[in-house]
Structure formats: structure tokens, C-alpha cells
N, C-alpha and C. Protein backbone atom coordinates (compact mmCIF):
# COMPACT_ATOMS: atom_id res chain seq x y z
N MET A 1 80.39 14.96 106.89
CA MET A 1 81.66 15.26 107.15
C MET A 1 81.94 16.19 105.77
N THR A 2 82.40 17.48 106.21
CA THR A 2 82.41 18.50 105.07
C THR A 2 83.49 19.55 105.39
N GLY A 3 83.90 19.95 104.11
CA GLY A 3 85.24 20.40 104.31
C GLY A 3 85.53 21.65 102.86
N SER A 4 86.25 22.33 103.20
CA SER A 4 86.39 22.98 101.77
C SER A 4 87.25 22.50 100.89
N GLY A 5 87.20 22.75 99.25
CA GLY A 5 87.42 22.40 98.79
C GLY A 5 89.55 22.39 98.61
N ASP A 6 90.35 23.34 99.36
CA ASP A 6 91.55 23.19 99.36
C ASP A 6 91.62 22.47 100.80
N GLY A 7 91.11 21.67 101.55
CA GLY A 7 91.65 20.93 102.36
C GLY A 7 91.53 21.81 103.69
N ARG A 8 91.79 23.07 104.05
CA ARG A 8 91.41 23.80 105.18
C ARG A 8 89.73 24.11 105.80
N GLY A 9 89.31 24.54 106.82
CA GLY A 9 88.37 24.89 107.25
C GLY A 9 87.28 23.39 107.75
N HIS A 10 86.06 23.60 107.85
CA HIS A 10 84.90 22.68 107.91
C HIS A 10 84.02 23.46 108.40
N GLY A 11 83.04 22.79 107.70
CA GLY A 11 81.98 23.16 107.07
C GLY A 11 80.73 23.11 108.79
N GLY A 12 79.91 23.63 108.74
CA GLY A 12 79.04 23.78 110.00
C GLY A 12 79.05 24.70 111.01
N GLU A 13 78.76 24.97 111.82
CA GLU A 13 78.69 25.74 113.05
C GLU A 13 79.32 25.45 114.30
N THR A 14 79.81 26.64 115.03
CA THR A 14 80.16 26.28 116.37
C THR A 14 79.82 26.95 117.41
N ASN A 15 78.69 26.37 117.89
CA ASN A 15 77.82 27.47 118.98
C ASN A 15 77.07 28.90 118.36
N GLY A 16 76.73 28.70 116.87
CA GLY A 16 76.34 29.65 116.25
C GLY A 16 77.12 30.50 115.38
N ARG A 17 78.72 29.77 115.74
CA ARG A 17 79.17 30.70 114.82
C ARG A 17 80.08 29.83 113.69
N ALA A 18 80.93 30.53 112.38
CA ALA A 18 80.92 29.24 111.88
C ALA A 18 82.44 28.58 112.53
N ALA A 19 82.62 27.68 111.75
CA ALA A 19 83.33 26.60 112.54
C ALA A 19 84.58 27.46 112.18
N PRO A 20 85.96 27.50 113.06
CA PRO A 20 87.17 27.75 112.83
C PRO A 20 88.01 26.85 111.58
N ALA A 21 89.10 28.03 111.01
CA ALA A 21 89.64 27.38 110.09
C ALA A 21 90.62 26.07 110.75
N LEU A 22 90.71 25.10 109.93
CA LEU A 22 91.67 23.82 110.52
C LEU A 22 92.30 23.79 109.32
N PHE A 23 93.84 23.40 109.90
CA PHE A 23 94.85 22.64 108.58
C PHE A 23 94.07 21.49 107.83
N PRO A 24 94.78 20.60 107.23
CA PRO A 24 94.50 19.35 107.29
C PRO A 24 94.30 18.40 108.38
N ALA A 25 93.51 17.60 108.29
CA ALA A 25 93.15 16.77 109.29
C ALA A 25 93.84 15.37 109.12
N VAL A 26 94.73 14.72 109.76
CA VAL A 26 95.26 13.46 110.05
C VAL A 26 94.88 12.77 110.99
N LEU A 27 94.22 11.19 111.31
CA LEU A 27 93.59 10.55 111.92
C LEU A 27 94.51 10.07 112.86
N ILE A 28 94.77 10.26 114.06
CA ILE A 28 95.76 9.45 115.20
C ILE A 28 95.24 8.65 116.08
N HIS A 29 96.31 7.14 116.14
CA HIS A 29 95.87 6.39 117.15
C HIS A 29 97.18 6.17 118.06
N SER A 30 97.89 6.48 117.46
CA SER A 30 99.50 6.53 118.52
C SER A 30 100.19 7.73 118.62
N LEU A 31 100.84 8.10 119.42
CA LEU A 31 102.01 8.74 119.34
C LEU A 31 103.05 8.49 117.80
N ASP A 32 103.30 7.11 117.44
CA ASP A 32 103.68 7.26 116.66
C ASP A 32 103.14 8.17 114.91
N ASP A 33 101.52 7.85 115.05
CA ASP A 33 101.05 8.20 114.12
C ASP A 33 101.06 9.87 114.55
N ALA A 34 101.09 10.77 115.32
CA ALA A 34 101.25 11.91 115.58
C ALA A 34 102.57 12.85 115.38
N ARG A 35 103.31 11.70 115.46
CA ARG A 35 105.06 12.28 115.22
C ARG A 35 105.24 12.24 114.07
N ALA A 36 104.27 11.08 113.27
CA ALA A 36 104.70 10.97 111.65
C ALA A 36 104.28 12.25 111.41
N ALA A 37 102.92 12.81 111.40
CA ALA A 37 101.90 13.44 111.17
C ALA A 37 102.86 14.79 111.03
N LEU A 38 103.51 15.33 112.38
CA LEU A 38 104.64 16.40 112.74
C LEU A 38 105.51 16.47 111.83
N ALA A 39 106.27 15.21 111.68
CA ALA A 39 107.17 14.76 111.13
C ALA A 39 107.25 15.75 109.23
N ALA A 40 106.51 15.41 108.79
CA ALA A 40 106.19 15.92 107.44
C ALA A 40 106.25 17.08 107.17
N GLU A 41 106.52 17.72 108.36
CA GLU A 41 106.46 19.59 108.75
C GLU A 41 105.71 20.53 107.79
N GLN A 42 104.51 20.22 107.72
CA GLN A 42 103.19 20.53 106.95
C GLN A 42 102.47 21.00 108.07
N PRO A 43 101.80 22.13 107.98
CA PRO A 43 100.65 22.82 108.82
C PRO A 43 99.33 21.06 109.12
N VAL A 44 99.10 20.98 110.11
CA VAL A 44 98.53 19.87 110.18
C VAL A 44 97.80 19.92 111.74
N THR A 45 95.95 19.21 111.59
CA THR A 45 95.35 19.10 112.47
C THR A 45 95.52 17.46 112.88
N LEU A 46 95.61 17.59 113.89
CA LEU A 46 95.73 15.95 114.52
C LEU A 46 94.53 15.72 115.15
N LEU A 47 93.82 14.48 114.67
CA LEU A 47 92.56 14.55 115.13
C LEU A 47 92.59 13.21 115.87
N SER A 48 91.84 13.18 117.20
CA SER A 48 91.63 11.55 117.42
C SER A 48 91.16 10.74 117.30
N ALA A 49 91.19 9.50 117.38
CA ALA A 49 90.22 8.26 116.47
C ALA A 49 88.79 8.93 116.80
N PRO A 50 87.96 8.44 116.50
CA PRO A 50 86.16 8.73 116.91
C PRO A 50 86.36 8.04 118.08
N GLY A 51 85.49 9.31 119.05
CA GLY A 51 85.42 8.41 120.50
C GLY A 51 86.23 8.23 121.27
N ALA A 52 87.54 9.11 120.68
CA ALA A 52 88.84 8.56 121.52
C ALA A 52 88.61 9.23 123.25
N ALA A 53 88.11 10.09 123.61
CA ALA A 53 88.03 10.79 124.69
C ALA A 53 86.93 9.58 125.51
N LEU A 54 85.93 8.27 125.06
CA LEU A 54 85.55 7.57 125.85
C LEU A 54 86.19 6.51 126.16
N SER A 55 87.01 6.08 125.10
CA SER A 55 88.28 5.36 125.42
C SER A 55 89.28 5.03 125.93
N ALA A 56 90.15 6.37 125.86
CA ALA A 56 91.54 6.46 125.73
C ALA A 56 91.39 7.46 127.26
N GLY A 57 90.35 8.24 127.17
CA GLY A 57 90.61 9.52 127.77
C GLY A 57 91.50 10.82 127.15
N CYS A 58 91.16 11.63 128.02
CA CYS A 58 91.67 13.02 127.70
C CYS A 58 92.67 13.70 127.67
N LEU A 59 93.44 13.19 129.16
CA LEU A 59 94.78 12.87 129.29
C LEU A 59 95.83 12.19 128.97
N TRP A 60 95.40 10.79 128.06
CA TRP A 60 95.85 10.31 127.29
C TRP A 60 96.36 11.39 126.00
N TRP A 61 95.05 12.04 125.48
CA TRP A 61 95.12 12.51 124.22
C TRP A 61 96.02 13.97 124.83
N ARG A 62 96.02 14.12 125.65
CA ARG A 62 96.76 15.89 126.42
C ARG A 62 98.53 15.44 126.39
N GLU A 63 98.67 14.31 126.97
CA GLU A 63 99.69 13.99 127.20
C GLU A 63 100.71 13.16 125.60
N LEU A 64 99.94 12.42 124.58
CA LEU A 64 100.22 11.94 123.37
C LEU A 64 101.21 13.55 122.56
N VAL A 65 99.55 14.93 122.68
CA VAL A 65 100.01 15.51 121.71
C VAL A 65 101.39 16.34 122.35
N ALA A 66 101.17 16.68 123.83
CA ALA A 66 102.55 17.16 124.37
C ALA A 66 103.77 16.50 123.56
N ARG A 67 104.09 15.11 123.60
CA ARG A 67 105.06 14.54 123.56
C ARG A 67 105.34 14.52 121.84
N ALA A 68 104.45 14.48 120.93
CA ALA A 68 104.38 14.60 119.74
C ALA A 68 105.16 16.06 119.51
N ARG A 69 104.87 16.89 119.90
CA ARG A 69 104.68 18.37 119.41
C ARG A 69 106.45 19.00 120.13
N ALA A 70 106.78 18.10 121.33
CA ALA A 70 107.71 18.34 121.84
C ALA A 70 109.24 17.70 120.45
N ALA A 71 108.99 16.69 120.45
CA ALA A 71 109.43 16.49 119.38
C ALA A 71 109.50 16.77 118.02
N HIS A 72 108.71 17.71 117.86
CA HIS A 72 108.21 18.70 116.22
C HIS A 72 108.02 19.84 116.55
N PRO A 73 108.55 20.73 117.15
CA PRO A 73 107.94 21.82 117.83
C PRO A 73 107.46 22.67 117.10
N ALA A 74 108.74 22.83 115.70
CA ALA A 74 108.21 23.76 114.48
C ALA A 74 107.11 23.84 113.69
N THR A 75 106.75 22.53 113.78
CA THR A 75 105.25 22.53 112.61
C THR A 75 104.16 22.75 113.12
N PRO A 76 103.47 23.96 112.31
CA PRO A 76 102.31 24.67 112.98
C PRO A 76 101.09 23.02 113.40
N ALA A 77 100.75 23.03 114.63
CA ALA A 77 99.62 22.05 114.58
C ALA A 77 98.62 22.43 115.34
N ILE A 78 97.39 21.97 114.67
CA ILE A 78 96.05 22.16 115.85
C ILE A 78 95.31 20.48 115.92
N ASP A 79 94.87 20.46 117.52
CA ASP A 79 94.64 19.28 118.02
C ASP A 79 93.85 19.16 118.51
N VAL A 80 92.61 18.31 117.98
CA VAL A 80 91.32 18.07 118.29
C VAL A 80 91.05 16.97 119.04
N LEU A 81 90.63 16.53 120.51
CA LEU A 81 89.54 15.67 120.78
C LEU A 81 88.35 14.80 120.31
N ASP A 82 88.07 13.68 119.59
CA ASP A 82 86.49 13.35 119.51
C ASP A 82 86.48 12.63 120.37
N CYS A 83 84.96 13.21 121.35
CA CYS A 83 83.93 12.84 122.54
C CYS A 83 83.31 12.17 121.90
N ALA A 84 83.03 12.23 120.81
CA ALA A 84 81.62 11.63 120.52
C ALA A 84 80.27 12.10 121.15
N ASP A 85 79.33 11.11 121.47
CA ASP A 85 78.41 11.93 122.67
C ASP A 85 78.57 11.72 124.27
N GLY A 86 80.05 12.08 124.71
CA GLY A 86 80.47 11.84 125.70
C GLY A 86 80.48 13.43 126.13
N ALA A 87 79.54 14.40 126.65
CA ALA A 87 79.49 15.38 127.16
C ALA A 87 80.08 15.50 128.57
N GLY A 88 79.87 14.47 129.20
CA GLY A 88 80.91 14.19 130.42
C GLY A 88 82.57 14.42 130.20
N GLN A 89 82.86 13.42 129.14
CA GLN A 89 84.15 13.21 128.67
C GLN A 89 84.74 14.80 128.27
N ALA A 90 84.02 15.71 127.42
CA ALA A 90 84.04 16.91 126.80
C ALA A 90 84.52 17.81 127.96
N MET A 91 83.54 17.75 128.94
CA MET A 91 83.57 18.17 130.22
C MET A 91 85.19 18.39 130.92
N ALA A 92 85.50 16.90 131.03
CA ALA A 92 86.69 17.04 131.35
C ALA A 92 87.97 17.01 131.27
N ALA A 93 87.84 16.87 129.60
CA ALA A 93 88.35 17.34 128.65
C ALA A 93 89.04 18.98 128.51
N LEU A 94 87.89 19.32 129.13
CA LEU A 94 87.92 20.96 129.25
C LEU A 94 88.86 21.15 130.35
N ARG A 95 88.53 20.80 131.74
CA ARG A 95 89.34 20.94 132.86
C ARG A 95 90.71 20.35 133.13
N VAL A 96 91.13 19.98 131.61
CA VAL A 96 92.57 19.07 131.38
C VAL A 96 93.15 20.28 130.46
N GLY A 97 92.72 20.84 130.22
CA GLY A 97 93.30 22.20 128.84
C GLY A 97 92.89 21.49 127.76
N VAL A 98 92.31 20.89 127.49
CA VAL A 98 91.85 20.42 126.44
C VAL A 98 91.02 20.93 125.49
N VAL A 99 91.24 22.02 124.92
CA VAL A 99 90.31 23.03 124.25
C VAL A 99 89.11 22.84 123.06
N ARG A 100 89.75 21.90 121.89
CA ARG A 100 89.64 21.46 120.71
C ARG A 100 89.04 20.59 120.96
N LEU A 101 87.55 20.06 120.69
CA LEU A 101 86.74 19.09 120.74
C LEU A 101 85.83 18.70 119.63
N VAL A 102 85.26 17.33 119.12
CA VAL A 102 84.19 16.91 118.12
C VAL A 102 83.33 16.88 119.75
N LEU A 103 82.09 16.92 119.45
CA LEU A 103 81.27 16.49 120.23
C LEU A 103 80.15 16.34 119.73
N TRP A 104 78.96 15.43 119.78
CA TRP A 104 77.53 15.52 118.77
C TRP A 104 76.94 16.56 119.44
N PRO A 105 76.38 16.62 118.08
CA PRO A 105 74.86 18.02 118.24
C PRO A 105 73.93 17.59 118.90
N GLY A 106 73.36 16.24 119.53
CA GLY A 106 72.93 15.37 120.21
C GLY A 106 73.30 15.30 121.64
N ALA A 107 74.38 15.45 121.85
CA ALA A 107 74.84 15.43 123.70
C ALA A 107 74.12 16.32 124.61
N PRO A 108 73.53 15.84 125.58
CA PRO A 108 73.20 16.52 126.46
C PRO A 108 74.21 17.75 126.98
N GLY A 109 73.87 19.04 126.56
CA GLY A 109 74.84 20.15 126.99
C GLY A 109 76.28 20.50 126.25
N TRP A 110 75.46 20.53 124.78
CA TRP A 110 76.05 20.75 123.56
C TRP A 110 76.87 22.31 123.55
N HIS A 111 75.88 23.04 124.09
CA HIS A 111 75.87 24.54 123.91
C HIS A 111 76.28 25.15 124.89
N SER A 112 76.17 24.19 126.33
CA SER A 112 77.39 24.66 127.24
C SER A 112 78.85 24.90 127.29
N VAL A 113 79.20 23.26 126.81
CA VAL A 113 80.24 22.79 126.29
C VAL A 113 80.84 23.58 125.22
N ALA A 114 79.98 24.05 124.26
CA ALA A 114 80.90 24.77 123.55
C ALA A 114 81.14 26.16 123.81
N ALA A 115 80.04 26.82 124.77
CA ALA A 115 80.42 28.09 125.46
C ALA A 115 81.50 28.05 126.13
N ILE A 116 81.86 27.10 127.25
CA ILE A 116 83.16 26.91 127.63
C ILE A 116 84.22 26.97 127.02
N ALA A 117 84.45 26.26 126.10
CA ALA A 117 85.45 25.73 125.11
C ALA A 117 85.82 27.23 124.84
N ALA A 118 85.22 27.99 124.12
CA ALA A 118 84.99 29.09 123.35
C ALA A 118 85.80 30.13 124.55
N ALA A 119 85.07 30.19 125.69
CA ALA A 119 85.90 31.35 126.83
C ALA A 119 87.22 30.82 126.66
N ARG A 120 87.62 29.38 127.24
CA ARG A 120 89.05 29.26 127.14
C ARG A 120 89.64 29.18 125.87
N GLY A 121 89.01 29.81 124.95
CA GLY A 121 90.04 29.50 123.83
C GLY A 121 90.03 28.51 122.62
N GLY A 122 89.23 27.70 123.22
CA GLY A 122 89.07 26.79 122.08
C GLY A 122 87.59 26.74 121.38
N PHE A 123 87.03 25.42 121.15
CA PHE A 123 86.09 25.30 119.83
C PHE A 123 85.81 23.69 120.25
N VAL A 124 84.15 23.63 120.04
CA VAL A 124 83.41 22.47 119.86
C VAL A 124 83.04 22.48 118.33
N LEU A 125 83.42 20.98 117.70
CA LEU A 125 82.66 20.59 116.54
C LEU A 125 81.90 20.13 116.64
N PRO A 126 80.48 19.92 115.48
CA PRO A 126 79.72 18.85 115.52
C PRO A 126 79.79 17.43 115.47
N GLU A 127 80.96 17.68 114.09
CA GLU A 127 81.25 16.33 113.71
C GLU A 127 82.89 16.39 113.65
N ALA A 128 83.38 15.55 113.03
CA ALA A 128 84.84 15.58 113.01
C ALA A 128 85.28 16.10 111.21
N PRO A 129 86.38 16.42 111.17
CA PRO A 129 86.76 17.22 110.16
C PRO A 129 87.10 15.86 109.04
N GLN A 130 86.76 16.58 107.26
CA GLN A 130 87.36 15.28 106.94
C GLN A 130 88.60 15.03 106.88
N VAL A 131 89.39 13.61 106.81
CA VAL A 131 90.75 13.18 106.95
C VAL A 131 91.50 13.08 106.08
N GLN A 132 92.68 13.62 105.93
CA GLN A 132 93.41 13.40 104.88
C GLN A 132 94.32 12.26 104.87
N PRO A 133 94.75 11.70 103.67
CA PRO A 133 95.61 10.20 104.19
C PRO A 133 96.88 10.42 105.02
N PRO A 134 97.51 9.38 105.75
CA PRO A 134 98.63 9.89 106.76
C PRO A 134 99.48 10.02 105.70
N PRO A 135 100.65 10.69 106.45
CA PRO A 135 102.24 10.87 105.46
C PRO A 135 102.22 9.55 105.72
N ALA A 136 103.56 9.86 104.46
CA ALA A 136 104.03 8.16 103.84
C ALA A 136 105.01 7.78 104.79
N GLN A 137 105.05 6.81 105.31
CA GLN A 137 106.22 6.57 106.42
C GLN A 137 107.48 6.04 105.87
N PRO A 138 108.51 6.50 106.08
CA PRO A 138 109.77 5.78 105.52
C PRO A 138 109.95 4.19 105.85
N PRO A 139 110.90 3.78 104.84
CA PRO A 139 110.78 2.00 105.00
C PRO A 139 111.83 1.88 106.01
N PRO A 140 111.34 0.66 106.82
CA PRO A 140 112.65 0.19 107.86
C PRO A 140 113.68 0.49 107.79
N ALA A 141 114.59 0.71 109.01
CA ALA A 141 115.96 0.82 108.93
C ALA A 141 116.75 -0.50 108.18
N ARG A 142 115.90 -1.69 108.13
CA ARG A 142 116.18 -3.32 107.84
C ARG A 142 114.99 -3.87 107.17
N PRO A 143 114.70 -4.50 106.74
CA PRO A 143 113.60 -5.97 106.42
C PRO A 143 113.38 -6.51 107.81
N PRO A 144 112.65 -6.94 107.92
CA PRO A 144 112.65 -7.63 109.24
C PRO A 144 112.39 -8.87 108.59
N PRO A 145 112.96 -10.12 109.67
CA PRO A 145 113.72 -11.39 109.53
C PRO A 145 112.49 -12.33 108.79
N ALA A 146 113.08 -13.04 107.60
CA ALA A 146 112.05 -13.75 106.82
C ALA A 146 112.10 -15.26 107.39
N CYS A 147 110.64 -15.53 107.35
CA CYS A 147 110.10 -16.42 107.85
C CYS A 147 111.20 -17.77 107.61
N PRO A 148 111.27 -18.89 108.64
CA PRO A 148 111.73 -19.84 108.17
C PRO A 148 111.24 -20.18 107.14
N PRO A 149 111.47 -21.10 106.19
CA PRO A 149 110.25 -22.05 105.07
C PRO A 149 109.73 -23.32 106.26
N PRO A 150 108.60 -23.70 105.48
CA PRO A 150 107.57 -24.75 106.41
C PRO A 150 108.67 -25.92 106.51
N ALA A 151 108.55 -26.91 107.58
CA ALA A 151 109.02 -27.85 108.00
C ALA A 151 108.77 -28.42 106.49
N GLN A 152 109.44 -29.88 106.36
CA GLN A 152 109.24 -30.88 105.41
C GLN A 152 108.67 -31.95 106.44
N PRO A 153 107.76 -32.91 105.82
CA PRO A 153 107.06 -33.63 106.60
C PRO A 153 108.15 -34.82 106.38
N PRO A 154 107.82 -35.70 107.49
CA PRO A 154 109.11 -36.73 107.48
C PRO A 154 108.95 -37.60 106.32
N PRO A 155 110.42 -38.60 106.00
CA PRO A 155 109.95 -39.40 104.92
C PRO A 155 109.14 -40.58 105.04
N ALA A 156 108.07 -40.69 104.02
CA ALA A 156 107.01 -42.02 104.24
C ALA A 156 107.62 -43.86 105.08
N GLN A 157 107.37 -44.11 105.81
CA GLN A 157 107.74 -45.51 106.43
C GLN A 157 107.17 -46.65 105.37
N PRO A 158 107.82 -47.25 105.26
CA PRO A 158 107.24 -48.87 104.05
C PRO A 158 106.28 -49.23 105.16
N SER A 159 105.27 -49.39 104.59
CA SER A 159 104.52 -50.44 105.46
C SER A 159 104.66 -51.78 105.47
N ALA A 160 104.00 -52.24 106.50
CA ALA A 160 104.25 -53.85 106.43
C ALA A 160 103.45 -54.34 105.88
N THR A 161 103.74 -55.03 104.71
CA THR A 161 102.57 -55.97 104.24
C THR A 161 102.97 -57.07 103.80
N ARG A 162 103.63 -57.56 104.70
CA ARG A 162 104.70 -59.01 104.69
C ARG A 162 104.10 -59.24 106.31
N PRO A 163 103.17 -60.74 106.19
CA PRO A 163 102.84 -61.24 107.67
C PRO A 163 104.13 -61.51 108.47
N LEU A 164 104.04 -61.53 109.60
CA LEU A 164 105.45 -61.87 110.30
C LEU A 164 104.98 -63.38 110.58
N ALA A 165 106.18 -64.10 110.46
CA ALA A 165 106.05 -65.46 110.66
C ALA A 165 106.25 -65.67 112.15
N PRO A 166 105.13 -66.63 111.90
CA PRO A 166 105.25 -67.09 113.45
C PRO A 166 106.40 -67.85 114.29
N ARG A 167 106.28 -67.57 115.44
CA ARG A 167 107.60 -67.50 116.49
C ARG A 167 107.54 -68.86 116.49
N LYS A 168 109.02 -69.81 116.50
CA LYS A 168 109.35 -71.32 117.11
C LYS A 168 108.74 -71.03 118.30
N ARG A 169 108.25 -72.20 118.71
CA ARG A 169 108.27 -72.19 120.33
C ARG A 169 109.81 -72.98 120.49
N SER A 170 110.42 -72.43 121.56
CA SER A 170 111.53 -73.25 122.12
C SER A 170 111.09 -74.44 123.00
N ALA A 171 112.10 -75.29 122.73
CA ALA A 171 111.57 -76.26 123.52
C ALA A 171 112.17 -76.00 124.73
N GLY A 172 111.45 -76.79 125.99
CA GLY A 172 112.06 -75.56 126.97
C GLY A 172 112.50 -76.75 128.06
N PRO A 173 112.82 -76.70 128.95
CA PRO A 173 113.10 -77.86 129.90
C PRO A 173 112.31 -78.71 130.42
N GLY A 174 112.22 -79.81 130.69
CA GLY A 174 111.36 -80.91 130.58
C GLY A 174 110.54 -81.61 130.93
């Protein structure tokens, strides 16, 4: 993973061209992560978790980004879906409008995927950009409830060290 010294950009090439300049990248695992990254009101690249296209899918990513951006429409952002070596998932992403991707260079059809992405106004990176630490989260509105103290063991019972007295036989009818 490479990046320029100012946190923008990505080293390497995309289909023979210089990689696009990116905003600082934040790794996104959930809608809350994306909203927090955009809430900072600083330009940001929302980068999916490694291989997220293979596990969560491209529609999940598209909808997560759409919802996060709807909550913070003024924040400049670029979203990038990591497809790992999944060329088929990269093609599926392109079909649903997700056009900024990470696809490993050894994936079958990498150059074709990159050409299609470029034709649709996107790009394919051969590796994920360098990730910045996530923005600081505000503290919760109230602290979580405290755990109750551990239960105390019951008091010890005195041990029976005295032998039992023999039972008296009652004189029965006789």
C-alpha cells in the first residue's frame, strides 16, 4: 500500500493510467462507521473492508453509501468497494452502478474490468489505499449500566463432627 505524503492519492496505476487522487481513506465495516466518517465534515474516501464485495456484496455497499451520504450530503466523499480477487463481483458492482473498486491485479479480466469502470466514470485500483485512523467517536449519551457486584458465596455450614447418638428403641406392644 502506498500513498503520497499528504494523505491524498494512491500510488500505482489503473489500467495504464496514474491512479486517481483520493481523499484520506477510512475503513468502513458498517453504516455507523460511514456516518461517523462523513460526520467529521472533512473530505473522505469510504473504503470497504477487504474483500467486502465477496462477503457482503455490492448492493450492500451501494445502499450503505447512499444512506450515509443522505445523512451528510455536504461532505465530499469518494466510495471504493474492495473486491479482492473477485472479478465476477467487480463486474456485478459495475452493473449496479458501483464504479470505484479495488481488484487485485492477478484477478482474471482485470484490464477488462478496469476499462469498463473507466468508461462508466470510475476506476479500479490494484490495491487498497492507505487507511487513516477512524474519526473520534463522541462519548455515548449516558454510560452503560454497571454490572452488579459478584454474588457472595453462602456462609459456611458447621460441619457435623459429633457422632450421632444411637436411637433408642421404643418398647412396642408386646
